[in-house]
Amino acid sequence: MKRNMLGFFLVLTVMLLSGCMYPKEELEQNQIPYKDQIQAVQTAVDDFRKDNGGILPIKTKEADTPIYQKYPIDFKKIAPKYMAEPPGNAFESGGVFQYVLVDVETNPTVKLLDLRMTETIRDIKLRIKTNGFPPYKKQISKNVFSLDYKQLGYKEPPYVSSPFTNQNLSLVITGDAEVYVDYRPDLYQALKKTDLVLKPGEDIRSILVNDSMFVPAYSLPYTVDSNGKEPVFLEE
């Protein structure tokens, strides 16, 4: 009886370990942006658009939805007819990326929105709600502020990892308590590399998008300063 029980637990342990290993491997794959998967979705989107008189396979969003979150791809419209199933790294398949479209009017192009930032933003908002009000620390620009994170119970200021440069990015908050990622460090690097002539008052976030697989999720508009060299928040 004891031998049978011992054998049972050994088999059960092996099964549990195997079950834990597989999801971990799958999870790692679901966090990697693959160019071939983006291209496969692009082909499916193009074919759907061609067959449907220019209509795009996207989910309907509110008119005031931020531009880079406004056109998420609806995989129910393109799978399984135009592709077998959503890519493994797509949110719909348990991945960490939302597939979105940019340039929908002129050249609908597939990009990735990194959803891993969402948890950090959600946690900050929850702490603000618990606190009762946003503990504004310093005004950075018109209607853009930093936060006093100690009042929210943080030992260290939270940050998110940039999908463009992998550097740590801080977060900012607006007067209406909306939390955003601060992409100024990424934009500063992009400005040093670009040959484009950018003017103050022009939204410059496209310089991050054009040469990348990603979009700047949860971002405010940015422009250049009067010298055209430093990224600043675009004041409306």
C-alpha atoms as a PDB file:
ATOM      1  CA  MET A   1       0.000   0.000   0.000  1.00  0.00           C
ATOM      2  CA  LYS A   2       2.817   2.373   0.964  1.00  0.00           C
ATOM      3  CA  ARG A   3       4.684   1.532  -2.243  1.00  0.00           C
ATOM      4  CA  ASN A   4       1.565   2.223  -4.293  1.00  0.00           C
ATOM      5  CA  MET A   5       1.044   5.552  -2.544  1.00  0.00           C
ATOM      6  CA  LEU A   6       4.712   6.453  -3.030  1.00  0.00           C
ATOM      7  CA  GLY A   7       4.464   5.601  -6.706  1.00  0.00           C
ATOM      8  CA  PHE A   8       1.313   7.672  -7.020  1.00  0.00           C
ATOM      9  CA  PHE A   9       2.963  10.735  -5.503  1.00  0.00           C
ATOM     10  CA  LEU A  10       6.047  10.313  -7.678  1.00  0.00           C
ATOM     11  CA  VAL A  11       3.907  10.216 -10.815  1.00  0.00           C
ATOM     12  CA  LEU A  12       1.854  13.158  -9.576  1.00  0.00           C
ATOM     13  CA  THR A  13       5.032  15.157  -8.875  1.00  0.00           C
ATOM     14  CA  VAL A  14       6.399  14.476 -12.351  1.00  0.00           C
ATOM     15  CA  MET A  15       3.091  15.498 -13.900  1.00  0.00           C
ATOM     16  CA  LEU A  16       2.974  18.729 -11.892  1.00  0.00           C
ATOM     17  CA  LEU A  17       6.566  19.586 -12.738  1.00  0.00           C
ATOM     18  CA  SER A  18       5.948  18.909 -16.405  1.00  0.00           C
ATOM     19  CA  GLY A  19       2.830  21.037 -16.287  1.00  0.00           C
ATOM     20  CA  CYS A  20       4.750  23.901 -14.693  1.00  0.00           C
ATOM     21  CA  MET A  21       7.603  23.710 -17.178  1.00  0.00           C
ATOM     22  CA  TYR A  22       5.430  23.856 -20.269  1.00  0.00           C
ATOM     23  CA  PRO A  23       3.501  26.998 -19.378  1.00  0.00           C
ATOM     24  CA  LYS A  24       6.785  28.714 -18.425  1.00  0.00           C
ATOM     25  CA  GLU A  25       8.299  27.941 -21.821  1.00  0.00           C
ATOM     26  CA  GLU A  26       5.107  29.004 -23.506  1.00  0.00           C
ATOM     27  CA  LEU A  27       4.974  32.172 -21.404  1.00  0.00           C
ATOM     28  CA  GLU A  28       8.502  33.112 -22.505  1.00  0.00           C
ATOM     29  CA  GLN A  29       7.501  32.679 -26.154  1.00  0.00           C
ATOM     30  CA  ASN A  30       4.362  34.743 -25.571  1.00  0.00           C
ATOM     31  CA  GLN A  31       6.553  37.650 -24.444  1.00  0.00           C
ATOM     32  CA  ILE A  32       8.760  37.792 -27.543  1.00  0.00           C
ATOM     33  CA  PRO A  33       7.873  40.074 -30.469  1.00  0.00           C
ATOM     34  CA  TYR A  34       8.373  38.137 -33.693  1.00  0.00           C
ATOM     35  CA  LYS A  35       8.624  39.989 -36.986  1.00  0.00           C
ATOM     36  CA  ASP A  36       7.266  37.019 -38.927  1.00  0.00           C
ATOM     37  CA  GLN A  37       4.133  36.961 -36.748  1.00  0.00           C
ATOM     38  CA  ILE A  38       3.585  40.675 -37.344  1.00  0.00           C
ATOM     39  CA  GLN A  39       3.995  40.103 -41.072  1.00  0.00           C
ATOM     40  CA  ALA A  40       1.508  37.224 -40.985  1.00  0.00           C
ATOM     41  CA  VAL A  41      -1.068  39.468 -39.305  1.00  0.00           C
ATOM     42  CA  GLN A  42      -0.284  42.248 -41.790  1.00  0.00           C
ATOM     43  CA  THR A  43      -0.970  39.887 -44.696  1.00  0.00           C
ATOM     44  CA  ALA A  44      -4.252  38.775 -43.112  1.00  0.00           C
ATOM     45  CA  VAL A  45      -5.303  42.400 -42.549  1.00  0.00           C
ATOM     46  CA  ASP A  46      -4.431  43.331 -46.137  1.00  0.00           C
ATOM     47  CA  ASP A  47      -6.364  40.356 -47.533  1.00  0.00           C
ATOM     48  CA  PHE A  48      -9.405  41.127 -45.352  1.00  0.00           C
ATOM     49  CA  ARG A  49      -9.298  44.755 -46.422  1.00  0.00           C
ATOM     50  CA  LYS A  50      -9.087  43.781 -50.084  1.00  0.00           C
ATOM     51  CA  ASP A  51     -12.040  41.394 -49.822  1.00  0.00           C
ATOM     52  CA  ASN A  52     -14.199  43.855 -47.863  1.00  0.00           C
ATOM     53  CA  GLY A  53     -13.971  47.051 -49.840  1.00  0.00           C
ATOM     54  CA  GLY A  54     -11.346  48.726 -47.679  1.00  0.00           C
ATOM     55  CA  ILE A  55     -12.964  47.917 -44.323  1.00  0.00           C
ATOM     56  CA  LEU A  56     -10.441  47.158 -41.591  1.00  0.00           C
ATOM     57  CA  PRO A  57     -10.709  44.212 -39.147  1.00  0.00           C
ATOM     58  CA  ILE A  58     -10.660  46.333 -36.001  1.00  0.00           C
ATOM     59  CA  LYS A  59     -12.633  46.623 -32.789  1.00  0.00           C
ATOM     60  CA  THR A  60     -14.815  49.694 -32.312  1.00  0.00           C
ATOM     61  CA  LYS A  61     -13.450  52.201 -29.801  1.00  0.00           C
ATOM     62  CA  GLU A  62     -14.667  55.518 -28.442  1.00  0.00           C
ATOM     63  CA  ALA A  63     -13.785  58.567 -30.515  1.00  0.00           C
ATOM     64  CA  ASP A  64     -11.597  60.012 -27.759  1.00  0.00           C
ATOM     65  CA  THR A  65      -9.504  56.844 -27.360  1.00  0.00           C
ATOM     66  CA  PRO A  66      -5.757  57.658 -27.512  1.00  0.00           C
ATOM     67  CA  ILE A  67      -4.536  57.262 -31.079  1.00  0.00           C
ATOM     68  CA  TYR A  68      -2.175  54.335 -30.481  1.00  0.00           C
ATOM     69  CA  GLN A  69      -4.846  52.371 -28.628  1.00  0.00           C
ATOM     70  CA  LYS A  70      -7.705  53.308 -30.935  1.00  0.00           C
ATOM     71  CA  TYR A  71      -7.435  50.601 -33.602  1.00  0.00           C
ATOM     72  CA  PRO A  72      -6.941  47.141 -32.013  1.00  0.00           C
ATOM     73  CA  ILE A  73      -7.174  44.277 -34.469  1.00  0.00           C
ATOM     74  CA  ASP A  74     -10.225  42.031 -34.071  1.00  0.00           C
ATOM     75  CA  PHE A  75      -8.830  38.550 -34.668  1.00  0.00           C
ATOM     76  CA  LYS A  76     -12.353  37.123 -34.792  1.00  0.00           C
ATOM     77  CA  LYS A  77     -12.688  38.841 -38.154  1.00  0.00           C
ATOM     78  CA  ILE A  78      -9.532  37.405 -39.689  1.00  0.00           C
ATOM     79  CA  ALA A  79      -9.222  33.968 -38.062  1.00  0.00           C
ATOM     80  CA  PRO A  80      -9.547  31.294 -39.264  1.00  0.00           C
ATOM     81  CA  LYS A  81     -10.279  32.531 -42.804  1.00  0.00           C
ATOM     82  CA  TYR A  82      -7.201  34.710 -43.283  1.00  0.00           C
ATOM     83  CA  MET A  83      -4.934  33.119 -40.679  1.00  0.00           C
ATOM     84  CA  ALA A  84      -5.317  29.964 -38.602  1.00  0.00           C
ATOM     85  CA  GLU A  85      -5.335  31.679 -35.214  1.00  0.00           C
ATOM     86  CA  PRO A  86      -3.957  34.744 -33.424  1.00  0.00           C
ATOM     87  CA  PRO A  87      -0.192  34.659 -32.825  1.00  0.00           C
ATOM     88  CA  GLY A  88       0.947  33.135 -29.550  1.00  0.00           C
ATOM     89  CA  ASN A  89       2.221  36.471 -28.280  1.00  0.00           C
ATOM     90  CA  ALA A  90      -1.151  38.176 -28.876  1.00  0.00           C
ATOM     91  CA  PHE A  91      -3.323  39.026 -25.885  1.00  0.00           C
ATOM     92  CA  GLU A  92      -6.069  36.832 -27.356  1.00  0.00           C
ATOM     93  CA  SER A  93      -3.728  33.825 -27.096  1.00  0.00           C
ATOM     94  CA  GLY A  94      -2.440  34.608 -23.629  1.00  0.00           C
ATOM     95  CA  GLY A  95       0.433  36.796 -24.798  1.00  0.00           C
ATOM     96  CA  VAL A  96       1.520  40.235 -23.626  1.00  0.00           C
ATOM     97  CA  PHE A  97       0.976  42.188 -26.836  1.00  0.00           C
ATOM     98  CA  GLN A  98      -2.086  43.751 -28.370  1.00  0.00           C
ATOM     99  CA  TYR A  99      -1.944  43.938 -32.152  1.00  0.00           C
ATOM    100  CA  VAL A 100      -3.010  47.381 -33.356  1.00  0.00           C
ATOM    101  CA  LEU A 101      -3.092  49.384 -36.562  1.00  0.00           C
ATOM    102  CA  VAL A 102      -1.490  52.754 -37.252  1.00  0.00           C
ATOM    103  CA  ASP A 103      -1.845  55.032 -40.289  1.00  0.00           C
ATOM    104  CA  VAL A 104      -5.321  53.638 -40.862  1.00  0.00           C
ATOM    105  CA  GLU A 105      -6.283  56.348 -43.343  1.00  0.00           C
ATOM    106  CA  THR A 106      -3.310  56.064 -45.697  1.00  0.00           C
ATOM    107  CA  ASN A 107      -1.352  52.876 -45.024  1.00  0.00           C
ATOM    108  CA  PRO A 108      -2.829  50.572 -42.345  1.00  0.00           C
ATOM    109  CA  THR A 109       0.197  49.046 -40.647  1.00  0.00           C
ATOM    110  CA  VAL A 110       0.347  46.382 -37.922  1.00  0.00           C
ATOM    111  CA  LYS A 111       2.224  47.251 -34.739  1.00  0.00           C
ATOM    112  CA  LEU A 112       2.429  45.911 -31.186  1.00  0.00           C
ATOM    113  CA  LEU A 113       1.202  47.512 -27.977  1.00  0.00           C
ATOM    114  CA  ASP A 114       3.039  46.174 -24.913  1.00  0.00           C
ATOM    115  CA  LEU A 115       0.398  45.383 -22.299  1.00  0.00           C
ATOM    116  CA  ARG A 116       2.901  44.698 -19.523  1.00  0.00           C
ATOM    117  CA  MET A 117       2.785  48.406 -18.692  1.00  0.00           C
ATOM    118  CA  THR A 118      -0.875  48.100 -17.799  1.00  0.00           C
ATOM    119  CA  GLU A 119      -0.270  46.389 -14.459  1.00  0.00           C
ATOM    120  CA  THR A 120       2.026  49.151 -13.196  1.00  0.00           C
ATOM    121  CA  ILE A 121      -0.424  51.862 -14.254  1.00  0.00           C
ATOM    122  CA  ARG A 122      -3.335  49.963 -12.700  1.00  0.00           C
ATOM    123  CA  ASP A 123      -1.450  49.621  -9.413  1.00  0.00           C
ATOM    124  CA  ILE A 124      -0.687  53.356  -9.281  1.00  0.00           C
ATOM    125  CA  LYS A 125      -4.326  54.226  -9.964  1.00  0.00           C
ATOM    126  CA  LEU A 126      -5.494  51.810  -7.273  1.00  0.00           C
ATOM    127  CA  ARG A 127      -3.156  53.385  -4.730  1.00  0.00           C
ATOM    128  CA  ILE A 128      -4.357  56.856  -5.719  1.00  0.00           C
ATOM    129  CA  LYS A 129      -7.941  55.730  -5.207  1.00  0.00           C
ATOM    130  CA  THR A 130      -7.050  54.293  -1.803  1.00  0.00           C
ATOM    131  CA  ASN A 131      -5.186  57.495  -0.923  1.00  0.00           C
ATOM    132  CA  GLY A 132      -8.231  59.547  -1.847  1.00  0.00           C
ATOM    133  CA  PHE A 133      -6.436  61.976  -4.163  1.00  0.00           C
ATOM    134  CA  PRO A 134      -3.338  62.115  -6.403  1.00  0.00           C
ATOM    135  CA  PRO A 135      -0.314  63.350  -4.405  1.00  0.00           C
ATOM    136  CA  TYR A 136       1.101  65.689  -7.037  1.00  0.00           C
ATOM    137  CA  LYS A 137       4.783  66.457  -6.535  1.00  0.00           C
ATOM    138  CA  LYS A 138       6.099  68.709  -9.291  1.00  0.00           C
ATOM    139  CA  GLN A 139       4.635  70.311 -12.403  1.00  0.00           C
ATOM    140  CA  ILE A 140       6.546  69.155 -15.476  1.00  0.00           C
ATOM    141  CA  SER A 141       4.461  70.849 -18.146  1.00  0.00           C
ATOM    142  CA  LYS A 142       1.001  72.299 -18.556  1.00  0.00           C
ATOM    143  CA  ASN A 143      -1.344  69.774 -16.900  1.00  0.00           C
ATOM    144  CA  VAL A 144       1.480  67.212 -16.507  1.00  0.00           C
ATOM    145  CA  PHE A 145       2.914  66.353 -13.090  1.00  0.00           C
ATOM    146  CA  SER A 146       5.161  63.935 -11.270  1.00  0.00           C
ATOM    147  CA  LEU A 147       3.845  62.021  -8.266  1.00  0.00           C
ATOM    148  CA  ASP A 148       4.950  61.796  -4.667  1.00  0.00           C
ATOM    149  CA  TYR A 149       5.201  58.005  -4.579  1.00  0.00           C
ATOM    150  CA  LYS A 150       6.083  57.849  -0.897  1.00  0.00           C
ATOM    151  CA  GLN A 151       2.584  59.092  -0.106  1.00  0.00           C
ATOM    152  CA  LEU A 152       1.278  56.183  -2.169  1.00  0.00           C
ATOM    153  CA  GLY A 153       3.290  53.653  -0.178  1.00  0.00           C
ATOM    154  CA  TYR A 154       6.124  53.031  -2.655  1.00  0.00           C
ATOM    155  CA  LYS A 155       9.654  52.619  -1.307  1.00  0.00           C
ATOM    156  CA  GLU A 156      11.034  53.374  -4.771  1.00  0.00           C
ATOM    157  CA  PRO A 157       9.366  55.138  -7.721  1.00  0.00           C
ATOM    158  CA  PRO A 158       7.762  52.575 -10.068  1.00  0.00           C
ATOM    159  CA  TYR A 159       8.797  52.358 -13.694  1.00  0.00           C
ATOM    160  CA  VAL A 160       8.063  50.420 -16.862  1.00  0.00           C
ATOM    161  CA  SER A 161      10.437  48.929 -19.400  1.00  0.00           C
ATOM    162  CA  SER A 162      10.520  50.628 -22.778  1.00  0.00           C
ATOM    163  CA  PRO A 163       9.711  48.346 -25.736  1.00  0.00           C
ATOM    164  CA  PHE A 164      11.846  50.656 -27.912  1.00  0.00           C
ATOM    165  CA  THR A 165      15.087  50.890 -25.922  1.00  0.00           C
ATOM    166  CA  ASN A 166      14.595  48.556 -22.932  1.00  0.00           C
ATOM    167  CA  GLN A 167      15.498  51.438 -20.626  1.00  0.00           C
ATOM    168  CA  ASN A 168      13.387  52.205 -17.588  1.00  0.00           C
ATOM    169  CA  LEU A 169      10.717  54.848 -18.104  1.00  0.00           C
ATOM    170  CA  SER A 170       9.026  56.815 -15.352  1.00  0.00           C
ATOM    171  CA  LEU A 171       5.359  57.704 -15.207  1.00  0.00           C
ATOM    172  CA  VAL A 172       3.516  61.014 -15.061  1.00  0.00           C
ATOM    173  CA  ILE A 173      -0.002  62.085 -14.188  1.00  0.00           C
ATOM    174  CA  THR A 174      -2.346  64.718 -15.568  1.00  0.00           C
ATOM    175  CA  GLY A 175      -4.676  67.071 -13.726  1.00  0.00           C
ATOM    176  CA  ASP A 176      -7.571  64.679 -14.297  1.00  0.00           C
ATOM    177  CA  ALA A 177      -5.609  61.863 -12.587  1.00  0.00           C
ATOM    178  CA  GLU A 178      -4.767  59.879 -15.727  1.00  0.00           C
ATOM    179  CA  VAL A 179      -1.421  58.076 -15.548  1.00  0.00           C
ATOM    180  CA  TYR A 180       0.896  57.956 -18.561  1.00  0.00           C
ATOM    181  CA  VAL A 181       4.319  56.607 -19.475  1.00  0.00           C
ATOM    182  CA  ASP A 182       6.983  59.280 -19.999  1.00  0.00           C
ATOM    183  CA  TYR A 183       8.687  58.551 -23.329  1.00  0.00           C
ATOM    184  CA  ARG A 184      10.998  61.571 -23.333  1.00  0.00           C
ATOM    185  CA  PRO A 185      14.183  59.464 -22.872  1.00  0.00           C
ATOM    186  CA  ASP A 186      13.229  57.311 -25.878  1.00  0.00           C
ATOM    187  CA  LEU A 187      12.334  60.349 -27.948  1.00  0.00           C
ATOM    188  CA  TYR A 188      15.594  62.066 -27.063  1.00  0.00           C
ATOM    189  CA  GLN A 189      17.558  59.115 -28.431  1.00  0.00           C
ATOM    190  CA  ALA A 190      15.363  58.975 -31.544  1.00  0.00           C
ATOM    191  CA  LEU A 191      15.826  62.706 -32.183  1.00  0.00           C
ATOM    192  CA  LYS A 192      19.598  62.281 -32.188  1.00  0.00           C
ATOM    193  CA  LYS A 193      19.321  59.632 -34.904  1.00  0.00           C
ATOM    194  CA  THR A 194      16.632  61.048 -37.189  1.00  0.00           C
ATOM    195  CA  ASP A 195      17.250  63.200 -40.242  1.00  0.00           C
ATOM    196  CA  LEU A 196      13.695  64.518 -40.182  1.00  0.00           C
ATOM    197  CA  VAL A 197      13.144  68.229 -39.690  1.00  0.00           C
ATOM    198  CA  LEU A 198      10.652  68.490 -36.845  1.00  0.00           C
ATOM    199  CA  LYS A 199       8.883  71.666 -35.839  1.00  0.00           C
ATOM    200  CA  PRO A 200       7.538  72.802 -32.455  1.00  0.00           C
ATOM    201  CA  GLY A 201       3.836  72.023 -32.179  1.00  0.00           C
ATOM    202  CA  GLU A 202       4.143  68.840 -34.254  1.00  0.00           C
ATOM    203  CA  ASP A 203       3.479  65.493 -32.553  1.00  0.00           C
ATOM    204  CA  ILE A 204       6.777  63.633 -32.816  1.00  0.00           C
ATOM    205  CA  ARG A 205       5.768  60.213 -31.454  1.00  0.00           C
ATOM    206  CA  SER A 206       5.770  58.838 -34.993  1.00  0.00           C
ATOM    207  CA  ILE A 207       9.587  58.810 -34.966  1.00  0.00           C
ATOM    208  CA  LEU A 208       9.376  55.999 -32.423  1.00  0.00           C
ATOM    209  CA  VAL A 209       6.767  54.094 -34.409  1.00  0.00           C
ATOM    210  CA  ASN A 210       8.204  54.335 -37.926  1.00  0.00           C
ATOM    211  CA  ASP A 211      11.310  52.222 -37.319  1.00  0.00           C
ATOM    212  CA  SER A 212       9.898  49.905 -34.674  1.00  0.00           C
ATOM    213  CA  MET A 213       7.468  47.051 -34.181  1.00  0.00           C
ATOM    214  CA  PHE A 214       5.818  48.963 -31.335  1.00  0.00           C
ATOM    215  CA  VAL A 215       3.616  51.923 -30.519  1.00  0.00           C
ATOM    216  CA  PRO A 216       4.134  54.193 -27.476  1.00  0.00           C
ATOM    217  CA  ALA A 217       1.308  52.861 -25.348  1.00  0.00           C
ATOM    218  CA  TYR A 218      -0.256  55.089 -22.703  1.00  0.00           C
ATOM    219  CA  SER A 219       1.572  58.145 -23.994  1.00  0.00           C
ATOM    220  CA  LEU A 220       0.796  61.834 -24.120  1.00  0.00           C
ATOM    221  CA  PRO A 221       1.620  63.830 -27.271  1.00  0.00           C
ATOM    222  CA  TYR A 222       5.149  65.222 -27.500  1.00  0.00           C
ATOM    223  CA  THR A 223       6.823  67.830 -29.647  1.00  0.00           C
ATOM    224  CA  VAL A 224      10.277  69.452 -29.865  1.00  0.00           C
ATOM    225  CA  ASP A 225      11.499  72.540 -28.071  1.00  0.00           C
ATOM    226  CA  SER A 226      12.254  75.806 -29.872  1.00  0.00           C
ATOM    227  CA  ASN A 227      15.679  74.465 -30.890  1.00  0.00           C
ATOM    228  CA  GLY A 228      14.176  71.291 -32.333  1.00  0.00           C
ATOM    229  CA  LYS A 229      16.474  69.070 -30.276  1.00  0.00           C
ATOM    230  CA  GLU A 230      14.736  68.274 -27.007  1.00  0.00           C
ATOM    231  CA  PRO A 231      11.421  66.386 -26.605  1.00  0.00           C
ATOM    232  CA  VAL A 232       8.795  68.228 -24.562  1.00  0.00           C
ATOM    233  CA  PHE A 233       5.164  67.610 -23.801  1.00  0.00           C
ATOM    234  CA  LEU A 234       2.864  69.041 -26.457  1.00  0.00           C
ATOM    235  CA  GLU A 235       0.680  71.641 -24.815  1.00  0.00           C
ATOM    236  CA  GLU A 236      -2.779  71.900 -26.310  1.00  0.00           C
END
